[in-house]
Amino acid sequence: EEQVIRYSVEFELDPHIVYSLIKVESAFKW
């Protein structure tokens, strides 16, 4: 959450679209 919020704000993105991409792309596996 800390990173998603920080970089969503920096790049003016909705954090929910970022979470959705991460969920599809990697299922949150770093």
Full PDB file with SEQRES, HELIX, SHEET, SSBOND, CRYST1, ORIGX, SCALE, CONECT and MASTER records, all heavy atoms in Angstrom:
SEQRES   1 A   30  GLU GLU GLN VAL ILE ARG TYR SER VAL GLU PHE GLU LEU          
SEQRES   2 A   30  ASP PRO HIS ILE VAL TYR SER LEU ILE LYS VAL GLU SER          
SEQRES   3 A   30  ALA PHE LYS TRP                                              
HELIX    1 AA1 GLU A    2  GLU A   10  1                                   9    
HELIX    2 AA2 PRO A   15  SER A   26  1                                  12    
CRYST1    1.000    1.000    1.000  90.00  90.00  90.00 P 1           1          
ORIGX1      1.000000  0.000000  0.000000        0.00000                         
ORIGX2      0.000000  1.000000  0.000000        0.00000                         
ORIGX3      0.000000  0.000000  1.000000        0.00000                         
SCALE1      1.000000  0.000000  0.000000        0.00000                         
SCALE2      0.000000  1.000000  0.000000        0.00000                         
SCALE3      0.000000  0.000000  1.000000        0.00000                         
ATOM      1  N   GLU A   1       0.810  -1.219   0.000  1.00  0.00           N  
ATOM      2  CA  GLU A   1       0.000   0.000   0.000  1.00  0.00           C  
ATOM      3  C   GLU A   1       0.843   1.270   0.000  1.00  0.00           C  
ATOM      4  O   GLU A   1       0.543   2.221  -0.725  1.00  0.00           O  
ATOM      5  CB  GLU A   1      -0.950  -0.009   1.197  1.00  0.00           C  
ATOM      6  CG  GLU A   1      -1.945   1.120   1.181  1.00  0.00           C  
ATOM      7  CD  GLU A   1      -3.005   0.984   2.256  1.00  0.00           C  
ATOM      8  OE1 GLU A   1      -2.802   0.232   3.231  1.00  0.00           O  
ATOM      9  OE2 GLU A   1      -4.031   1.660   2.112  1.00  0.00           O  
ATOM     10  N   GLU A   2       1.897   1.287   0.800  1.00  0.00           N  
ATOM     11  CA  GLU A   2       2.729   2.490   0.873  1.00  0.00           C  
ATOM     12  C   GLU A   2       3.282   2.862  -0.508  1.00  0.00           C  
ATOM     13  O   GLU A   2       3.210   4.006  -0.934  1.00  0.00           O  
ATOM     14  CB  GLU A   2       3.879   2.266   1.859  1.00  0.00           C  
ATOM     15  CG  GLU A   2       4.750   3.486   2.057  1.00  0.00           C  
ATOM     16  CD  GLU A   2       5.912   3.215   3.011  1.00  0.00           C  
ATOM     17  OE1 GLU A   2       5.739   2.450   3.973  1.00  0.00           O  
ATOM     18  OE2 GLU A   2       6.995   3.780   2.771  1.00  0.00           O  
ATOM     19  N   GLN A   3       3.829   1.866  -1.211  1.00  0.00           N  
ATOM     20  CA  GLN A   3       4.418   2.117  -2.529  1.00  0.00           C  
ATOM     21  C   GLN A   3       3.339   2.441  -3.572  1.00  0.00           C  
ATOM     22  O   GLN A   3       3.510   3.348  -4.395  1.00  0.00           O  
ATOM     23  CB  GLN A   3       5.241   0.908  -3.001  1.00  0.00           C  
ATOM     24  CG  GLN A   3       6.462   0.636  -2.173  1.00  0.00           C  
ATOM     25  CD  GLN A   3       6.190  -0.312  -0.990  1.00  0.00           C  
ATOM     26  OE1 GLN A   3       5.065  -0.604  -0.632  1.00  0.00           O  
ATOM     27  NE2 GLN A   3       7.266  -0.778  -0.377  1.00  0.00           N  
ATOM     28  N   VAL A   4       2.243   1.696  -3.541  1.00  0.00           N  
ATOM     29  CA  VAL A   4       1.183   1.935  -4.522  1.00  0.00           C  
ATOM     30  C   VAL A   4       0.626   3.339  -4.367  1.00  0.00           C  
ATOM     31  O   VAL A   4       0.466   4.065  -5.359  1.00  0.00           O  
ATOM     32  CB  VAL A   4       0.061   0.867  -4.414  1.00  0.00           C  
ATOM     33  CG1 VAL A   4      -1.152   1.274  -5.258  1.00  0.00           C  
ATOM     34  CG2 VAL A   4       0.578  -0.498  -4.856  1.00  0.00           C  
ATOM     35  N   ILE A   5       0.356   3.745  -3.147  1.00  0.00           N  
ATOM     36  CA  ILE A   5      -0.185   5.093  -2.920  1.00  0.00           C  
ATOM     37  C   ILE A   5       0.842   6.153  -3.320  1.00  0.00           C  
ATOM     38  O   ILE A   5       0.519   7.105  -4.043  1.00  0.00           O  
ATOM     39  CB  ILE A   5      -0.624   5.282  -1.450  1.00  0.00           C  
ATOM     40  CG1 ILE A   5      -1.754   4.321  -1.083  1.00  0.00           C  
ATOM     41  CG2 ILE A   5      -1.016   6.728  -1.182  1.00  0.00           C  
ATOM     42  CD1 ILE A   5      -3.019   4.465  -1.890  1.00  0.00           C  
ATOM     43  N   ARG A   6       2.096   5.989  -2.874  1.00  0.00           N  
ATOM     44  CA  ARG A   6       3.128   6.979  -3.175  1.00  0.00           C  
ATOM     45  C   ARG A   6       3.267   7.193  -4.687  1.00  0.00           C  
ATOM     46  O   ARG A   6       3.265   8.326  -5.166  1.00  0.00           O  
ATOM     47  CB  ARG A   6       4.473   6.546  -2.593  1.00  0.00           C  
ATOM     48  CG  ARG A   6       5.590   7.577  -2.906  1.00  0.00           C  
ATOM     49  CD  ARG A   6       6.967   7.153  -2.418  1.00  0.00           C  
ATOM     50  NE  ARG A   6       6.942   6.708  -1.035  1.00  0.00           N  
ATOM     51  CZ  ARG A   6       7.423   5.538  -0.615  1.00  0.00           C  
ATOM     52  NH1 ARG A   6       7.991   4.703  -1.452  1.00  0.00           N  
ATOM     53  NH2 ARG A   6       7.366   5.203   0.649  1.00  0.00           N  
ATOM     54  N   TYR A   7       3.366   6.096  -5.436  1.00  0.00           N  
ATOM     55  CA  TYR A   7       3.622   6.245  -6.873  1.00  0.00           C  
ATOM     56  C   TYR A   7       2.360   6.508  -7.676  1.00  0.00           C  
ATOM     57  O   TYR A   7       2.429   7.101  -8.750  1.00  0.00           O  
ATOM     58  CB  TYR A   7       4.434   5.057  -7.383  1.00  0.00           C  
ATOM     59  CG  TYR A   7       5.776   5.027  -6.683  1.00  0.00           C  
ATOM     60  CD1 TYR A   7       6.184   3.938  -5.934  1.00  0.00           C  
ATOM     61  CD2 TYR A   7       6.601   6.156  -6.715  1.00  0.00           C  
ATOM     62  CE1 TYR A   7       7.396   3.952  -5.251  1.00  0.00           C  
ATOM     63  CE2 TYR A   7       7.803   6.179  -6.025  1.00  0.00           C  
ATOM     64  CZ  TYR A   7       8.197   5.076  -5.304  1.00  0.00           C  
ATOM     65  OH  TYR A   7       9.388   5.112  -4.631  1.00  0.00           O  
ATOM     66  N   SER A   8       1.212   6.145  -7.142  1.00  0.00           N  
ATOM     67  CA  SER A   8      -0.041   6.543  -7.786  1.00  0.00           C  
ATOM     68  C   SER A   8      -0.198   8.057  -7.698  1.00  0.00           C  
ATOM     69  O   SER A   8      -0.617   8.697  -8.660  1.00  0.00           O  
ATOM     70  CB  SER A   8      -1.239   5.857  -7.127  1.00  0.00           C  
ATOM     71  OG  SER A   8      -1.211   4.474  -7.351  1.00  0.00           O  
ATOM     72  N   VAL A   9       0.141   8.601  -6.549  1.00  0.00           N  
ATOM     73  CA  VAL A   9       0.084  10.057  -6.382  1.00  0.00           C  
ATOM     74  C   VAL A   9       1.123  10.719  -7.280  1.00  0.00           C  
ATOM     75  O   VAL A   9       0.815  11.672  -7.999  1.00  0.00           O  
ATOM     76  CB  VAL A   9       0.289  10.453  -4.898  1.00  0.00           C  
ATOM     77  CG1 VAL A   9       0.514  11.951  -4.751  1.00  0.00           C  
ATOM     78  CG2 VAL A   9      -0.903   9.997  -4.067  1.00  0.00           C  
ATOM     79  N   GLU A  10       2.361  10.200  -7.260  1.00  0.00           N  
ATOM     80  CA  GLU A  10       3.423  10.805  -8.080  1.00  0.00           C  
ATOM     81  C   GLU A  10       3.051  10.842  -9.556  1.00  0.00           C  
ATOM     82  O   GLU A  10       3.309  11.835 -10.244  1.00  0.00           O  
ATOM     83  CB  GLU A  10       4.732  10.033  -7.906  1.00  0.00           C  
ATOM     84  CG  GLU A  10       5.884  10.613  -8.721  1.00  0.00           C  
ATOM     85  CD  GLU A  10       7.203   9.872  -8.545  1.00  0.00           C  
ATOM     86  OE1 GLU A  10       7.380   9.165  -7.527  1.00  0.00           O  
ATOM     87  OE2 GLU A  10       8.062  10.005  -9.434  1.00  0.00           O  
ATOM     88  N   PHE A  11       2.419   9.779 -10.044  1.00  0.00           N  
ATOM     89  CA  PHE A  11       2.111   9.701 -11.470  1.00  0.00           C  
ATOM     90  C   PHE A  11       0.630   9.937 -11.776  1.00  0.00           C  
ATOM     91  O   PHE A  11       0.176   9.682 -12.895  1.00  0.00           O  
ATOM     92  CB  PHE A  11       2.574   8.352 -12.038  1.00  0.00           C  
ATOM     93  CG  PHE A  11       4.069   8.203 -11.977  1.00  0.00           C  
ATOM     94  CD1 PHE A  11       4.660   7.363 -11.048  1.00  0.00           C  
ATOM     95  CD2 PHE A  11       4.895   8.939 -12.820  1.00  0.00           C  
ATOM     96  CE1 PHE A  11       6.043   7.232 -10.968  1.00  0.00           C  
ATOM     97  CE2 PHE A  11       6.276   8.829 -12.742  1.00  0.00           C  
ATOM     98  CZ  PHE A  11       6.849   7.971 -11.823  1.00  0.00           C  
ATOM     99  N   GLU A  12      -0.088  10.463 -10.788  1.00  0.00           N  
ATOM    100  CA  GLU A  12      -1.496  10.844 -10.952  1.00  0.00           C  
ATOM    101  C   GLU A  12      -2.338   9.695 -11.508  1.00  0.00           C  
ATOM    102  O   GLU A  12      -3.063   9.836 -12.489  1.00  0.00           O  
ATOM    103  CB  GLU A  12      -1.605  12.084 -11.847  1.00  0.00           C  
ATOM    104  CG  GLU A  12      -0.879  13.285 -11.276  1.00  0.00           C  
ATOM    105  CD  GLU A  12      -0.842  14.462 -12.224  1.00  0.00           C  
ATOM    106  OE1 GLU A  12      -0.996  14.275 -13.445  1.00  0.00           O  
ATOM    107  OE2 GLU A  12      -0.657  15.578 -11.728  1.00  0.00           O  
ATOM    108  N   LEU A  13      -2.245   8.547 -10.842  1.00  0.00           N  
ATOM    109  CA  LEU A  13      -3.015   7.362 -11.204  1.00  0.00           C  
ATOM    110  C   LEU A  13      -3.987   7.018 -10.087  1.00  0.00           C  
ATOM    111  O   LEU A  13      -3.727   7.325  -8.926  1.00  0.00           O  
ATOM    112  CB  LEU A  13      -2.080   6.162 -11.420  1.00  0.00           C  
ATOM    113  CG  LEU A  13      -1.056   6.247 -12.535  1.00  0.00           C  
ATOM    114  CD1 LEU A  13      -0.043   5.115 -12.412  1.00  0.00           C  
ATOM    115  CD2 LEU A  13      -1.761   6.200 -13.891  1.00  0.00           C  
ATOM    116  N   ASP A  14      -5.062   6.365 -10.426  1.00  0.00           N  
ATOM    117  CA  ASP A  14      -5.968   5.826  -9.422  1.00  0.00           C  
ATOM    118  C   ASP A  14      -5.293   4.579  -8.848  1.00  0.00           C  
ATOM    119  O   ASP A  14      -4.970   3.652  -9.597  1.00  0.00           O  
ATOM    120  CB  ASP A  14      -7.300   5.462 -10.094  1.00  0.00           C  
ATOM    121  CG  ASP A  14      -8.345   4.955  -9.120  1.00  0.00           C  
ATOM    122  OD1 ASP A  14      -7.968   4.433  -8.047  1.00  0.00           O  
ATOM    123  OD2 ASP A  14      -9.534   5.045  -9.453  1.00  0.00           O  
ATOM    124  N   PRO A  15      -5.057   4.526  -7.539  1.00  0.00           N  
ATOM    125  CA  PRO A  15      -4.399   3.357  -6.955  1.00  0.00           C  
ATOM    126  C   PRO A  15      -5.129   2.046  -7.260  1.00  0.00           C  
ATOM    127  O   PRO A  15      -4.501   1.002  -7.387  1.00  0.00           O  
ATOM    128  CB  PRO A  15      -4.395   3.629  -5.451  1.00  0.00           C  
ATOM    129  CG  PRO A  15      -4.657   5.073  -5.296  1.00  0.00           C  
ATOM    130  CD  PRO A  15      -5.366   5.540  -6.527  1.00  0.00           C  
ATOM    131  N   HIS A  16      -6.443   2.116  -7.417  1.00  0.00           N  
ATOM    132  CA  HIS A  16      -7.196   0.892  -7.690  1.00  0.00           C  
ATOM    133  C   HIS A  16      -6.844   0.280  -9.039  1.00  0.00           C  
ATOM    134  O   HIS A  16      -6.864  -0.940  -9.191  1.00  0.00           O  
ATOM    135  CB  HIS A  16      -8.696   1.146  -7.585  1.00  0.00           C  
ATOM    136  CG  HIS A  16      -9.143   1.450  -6.192  1.00  0.00           C  
ATOM    137  ND1 HIS A  16     -10.378   1.966  -5.905  1.00  0.00           N  
ATOM    138  CD2 HIS A  16      -8.528   1.304  -4.987  1.00  0.00           C  
ATOM    139  CE1 HIS A  16     -10.506   2.130  -4.602  1.00  0.00           C  
ATOM    140  NE2 HIS A  16      -9.386   1.742  -4.028  1.00  0.00           N  
ATOM    141  N   ILE A  17      -6.509   1.089 -10.015  1.00  0.00           N  
ATOM    142  CA  ILE A  17      -6.101   0.523 -11.310  1.00  0.00           C  
ATOM    143  C   ILE A  17      -4.719  -0.116 -11.159  1.00  0.00           C  
ATOM    144  O   ILE A  17      -4.431  -1.153 -11.761  1.00  0.00           O  
ATOM    145  CB  ILE A  17      -6.167   1.554 -12.467  1.00  0.00           C  
ATOM    146  CG1 ILE A  17      -6.169   0.862 -13.832  1.00  0.00           C  
ATOM    147  CG2 ILE A  17      -5.026   2.552 -12.417  1.00  0.00           C  
ATOM    148  CD1 ILE A  17      -7.426   0.147 -14.167  1.00  0.00           C  
ATOM    149  N   VAL A  18      -3.881   0.467 -10.325  1.00  0.00           N  
ATOM    150  CA  VAL A  18      -2.554  -0.109 -10.074  1.00  0.00           C  
ATOM    151  C   VAL A  18      -2.709  -1.453  -9.353  1.00  0.00           C  
ATOM    152  O   VAL A  18      -2.087  -2.452  -9.747  1.00  0.00           O  
ATOM    153  CB  VAL A  18      -1.655   0.862  -9.273  1.00  0.00           C  
ATOM    154  CG1 VAL A  18      -0.314   0.218  -8.943  1.00  0.00           C  
ATOM    155  CG2 VAL A  18      -1.457   2.166 -10.047  1.00  0.00           C  
ATOM    156  N   TYR A  19      -3.539  -1.500  -8.311  1.00  0.00           N  
ATOM    157  CA  TYR A  19      -3.782  -2.769  -7.622  1.00  0.00           C  
ATOM    158  C   TYR A  19      -4.337  -3.816  -8.585  1.00  0.00           C  
ATOM    159  O   TYR A  19      -3.952  -4.982  -8.535  1.00  0.00           O  
ATOM    160  CB  TYR A  19      -4.765  -2.592  -6.468  1.00  0.00           C  
ATOM    161  CG  TYR A  19      -4.171  -1.972  -5.235  1.00  0.00           C  
ATOM    162  CD1 TYR A  19      -4.685  -0.797  -4.719  1.00  0.00           C  
ATOM    163  CD2 TYR A  19      -3.100  -2.569  -4.569  1.00  0.00           C  
ATOM    164  CE1 TYR A  19      -4.148  -0.219  -3.570  1.00  0.00           C  
ATOM    165  CE2 TYR A  19      -2.558  -2.004  -3.437  1.00  0.00           C  
ATOM    166  CZ  TYR A  19      -3.090  -0.827  -2.943  1.00  0.00           C  
ATOM    167  OH  TYR A  19      -2.547  -0.264  -1.810  1.00  0.00           O  
ATOM    168  N   SER A  20      -5.237  -3.403  -9.447  1.00  0.00           N  
ATOM    169  CA  SER A  20      -5.846  -4.333 -10.410  1.00  0.00           C  
ATOM    170  C   SER A  20      -4.803  -4.895 -11.360  1.00  0.00           C  
ATOM    171  O   SER A  20      -4.801  -6.099 -11.656  1.00  0.00           O  
ATOM    172  CB  SER A  20      -6.953  -3.627 -11.188  1.00  0.00           C  
ATOM    173  OG  SER A  20      -7.945  -3.147 -10.302  1.00  0.00           O  
ATOM    174  N   LEU A  21      -3.919  -4.030 -11.844  1.00  0.00           N  
ATOM    175  CA  LEU A  21      -2.832  -4.495 -12.720  1.00  0.00           C  
ATOM    176  C   LEU A  21      -1.921  -5.484 -11.994  1.00  0.00           C  
ATOM    177  O   LEU A  21      -1.574  -6.519 -12.547  1.00  0.00           O  
ATOM    178  CB  LEU A  21      -1.988  -3.309 -13.201  1.00  0.00           C  
ATOM    179  CG  LEU A  21      -2.393  -2.646 -14.493  1.00  0.00           C  
ATOM    180  CD1 LEU A  21      -1.606  -1.357 -14.686  1.00  0.00           C  
ATOM    181  CD2 LEU A  21      -2.197  -3.558 -15.664  1.00  0.00           C  
ATOM    182  N   ILE A  22      -1.553  -5.146 -10.773  1.00  0.00           N  
ATOM    183  CA  ILE A  22      -0.671  -6.035 -10.003  1.00  0.00           C  
ATOM    184  C   ILE A  22      -1.349  -7.382  -9.776  1.00  0.00           C  
ATOM    185  O   ILE A  22      -0.724  -8.431  -9.927  1.00  0.00           O  
ATOM    186  CB  ILE A  22      -0.249  -5.386  -8.667  1.00  0.00           C  
ATOM    187  CG1 ILE A  22       0.658  -4.187  -8.913  1.00  0.00           C  
ATOM    188  CG2 ILE A  22       0.457  -6.404  -7.772  1.00  0.00           C  
ATOM    189  CD1 ILE A  22       0.974  -3.361  -7.671  1.00  0.00           C  
ATOM    190  N   LYS A  23      -2.626  -7.348  -9.439  1.00  0.00           N  
ATOM    191  CA  LYS A  23      -3.369  -8.595  -9.200  1.00  0.00           C  
ATOM    192  C   LYS A  23      -3.357  -9.479 -10.446  1.00  0.00           C  
ATOM    193  O   LYS A  23      -3.117 -10.676 -10.364  1.00  0.00           O  
ATOM    194  CB  LYS A  23      -4.797  -8.278  -8.760  1.00  0.00           C  
ATOM    195  CG  LYS A  23      -5.630  -9.510  -8.420  1.00  0.00           C  
ATOM    196  CD  LYS A  23      -6.940  -9.106  -7.773  1.00  0.00           C  
ATOM    197  CE  LYS A  23      -7.899 -10.276  -7.601  1.00  0.00           C  
ATOM    198  NZ  LYS A  23      -7.371 -11.394  -6.854  1.00  0.00           N  
ATOM    199  N   VAL A  24      -3.581  -8.885 -11.603  1.00  0.00           N  
ATOM    200  CA  VAL A  24      -3.590  -9.660 -12.849  1.00  0.00           C  
ATOM    201  C   VAL A  24      -2.173 -10.078 -13.240  1.00  0.00           C  
ATOM    202  O   VAL A  24      -1.935 -11.225 -13.611  1.00  0.00           O  
ATOM    203  CB  VAL A  24      -4.238  -8.865 -14.006  1.00  0.00           C  
ATOM    204  CG1 VAL A  24      -4.077  -9.585 -15.335  1.00  0.00           C  
ATOM    205  CG2 VAL A  24      -5.715  -8.618 -13.715  1.00  0.00           C  
ATOM    206  N   GLU A  25      -1.243  -9.161 -13.144  1.00  0.00           N  
ATOM    207  CA  GLU A  25       0.119  -9.417 -13.622  1.00  0.00           C  
ATOM    208  C   GLU A  25       0.862 -10.457 -12.791  1.00  0.00           C  
ATOM    209  O   GLU A  25       1.506 -11.342 -13.334  1.00  0.00           O  
ATOM    210  CB  GLU A  25       0.937  -8.122 -13.647  1.00  0.00           C  
ATOM    211  CG  GLU A  25       0.543  -7.150 -14.743  1.00  0.00           C  
ATOM    212  CD  GLU A  25       0.979  -7.586 -16.132  1.00  0.00           C  
ATOM    213  OE1 GLU A  25       1.637  -8.633 -16.287  1.00  0.00           O  
ATOM    214  OE2 GLU A  25       0.638  -6.870 -17.083  1.00  0.00           O  
ATOM    215  N   SER A  26       0.808 -10.331 -11.462  1.00  0.00           N  
ATOM    216  CA  SER A  26       1.659 -11.182 -10.623  1.00  0.00           C  
ATOM    217  C   SER A  26       0.955 -11.796  -9.423  1.00  0.00           C  
ATOM    218  O   SER A  26       1.595 -12.526  -8.666  1.00  0.00           O  
ATOM    219  CB  SER A  26       2.842 -10.359 -10.103  1.00  0.00           C  
ATOM    220  OG  SER A  26       2.369  -9.363  -9.202  1.00  0.00           O  
ATOM    221  N   ALA A  27      -0.313 -11.483  -9.238  1.00  0.00           N  
ATOM    222  CA  ALA A  27      -1.047 -11.927  -8.044  1.00  0.00           C  
ATOM    223  C   ALA A  27      -0.294 -11.531  -6.764  1.00  0.00           C  
ATOM    224  O   ALA A  27      -0.255 -12.266  -5.796  1.00  0.00           O  
ATOM    225  CB  ALA A  27      -1.311 -13.428  -8.086  1.00  0.00           C  
ATOM    226  N   PHE A  28       0.354 -10.363  -6.817  1.00  0.00           N  
ATOM    227  CA  PHE A  28       1.077  -9.785  -5.690  1.00  0.00           C  
ATOM    228  C   PHE A  28       2.334 -10.570  -5.299  1.00  0.00           C  
ATOM    229  O   PHE A  28       2.809 -10.442  -4.182  1.00  0.00           O  
ATOM    230  CB  PHE A  28       0.156  -9.584  -4.482  1.00  0.00           C  
ATOM    231  CG  PHE A  28      -0.910  -8.557  -4.733  1.00  0.00           C  
ATOM    232  CD1 PHE A  28      -2.167  -8.940  -5.192  1.00  0.00           C  
ATOM    233  CD2 PHE A  28      -0.656  -7.212  -4.550  1.00  0.00           C  
ATOM    234  CE1 PHE A  28      -3.150  -7.992  -5.449  1.00  0.00           C  
ATOM    235  CE2 PHE A  28      -1.629  -6.261  -4.798  1.00  0.00           C  
ATOM    236  CZ  PHE A  28      -2.876  -6.652  -5.255  1.00  0.00           C  
ATOM    237  N   LYS A  29       2.884 -11.325  -6.237  1.00  0.00           N  
ATOM    238  CA  LYS A  29       4.147 -12.046  -5.977  1.00  0.00           C  
ATOM    239  C   LYS A  29       5.290 -11.146  -6.439  1.00  0.00           C  
ATOM    240  O   LYS A  29       5.486 -10.930  -7.638  1.00  0.00           O  
ATOM    241  CB  LYS A  29       4.152 -13.375  -6.732  1.00  0.00           C  
ATOM    242  CG  LYS A  29       3.124 -14.337  -6.212  1.00  0.00           C  
ATOM    243  CD  LYS A  29       3.111 -15.623  -7.003  1.00  0.00           C  
ATOM    244  CE  LYS A  29       1.948 -16.473  -6.532  1.00  0.00           C  
ATOM    245  NZ  LYS A  29       1.406 -17.290  -7.599  1.00  0.00           N  
ATOM    246  N   TRP A  30       6.047 -10.646  -5.492  1.00  0.00           N  
ATOM    247  CA  TRP A  30       7.096  -9.669  -5.775  1.00  0.00           C  
ATOM    248  C   TRP A  30       8.197 -10.227  -6.668  1.00  0.00           C  
ATOM    249  O   TRP A  30       8.841  -9.487  -7.410  1.00  0.00           O  
ATOM    250  CB  TRP A  30       7.705  -9.124  -4.484  1.00  0.00           C  
ATOM    251  CG  TRP A  30       8.364 -10.188  -3.643  1.00  0.00           C  
ATOM    252  CD1 TRP A  30       7.767 -10.964  -2.701  1.00  0.00           C  
ATOM    253  CD2 TRP A  30       9.730 -10.603  -3.696  1.00  0.00           C  
ATOM    254  NE1 TRP A  30       8.665 -11.834  -2.155  1.00  0.00           N  
ATOM    255  CE2 TRP A  30       9.889 -11.637  -2.753  1.00  0.00           C  
ATOM    256  CE3 TRP A  30      10.833 -10.208  -4.453  1.00  0.00           C  
ATOM    257  CZ2 TRP A  30      11.097 -12.288  -2.541  1.00  0.00           C  
ATOM    258  CZ3 TRP A  30      12.035 -10.846  -4.236  1.00  0.00           C  
ATOM    259  CH2 TRP A  30      12.168 -11.866  -3.296  1.00  0.00           C  
TER     260      TRP A  30                                                      
MASTER        0    0    0    2    0    0    0    6  259    1    0    3          
END                                                                             
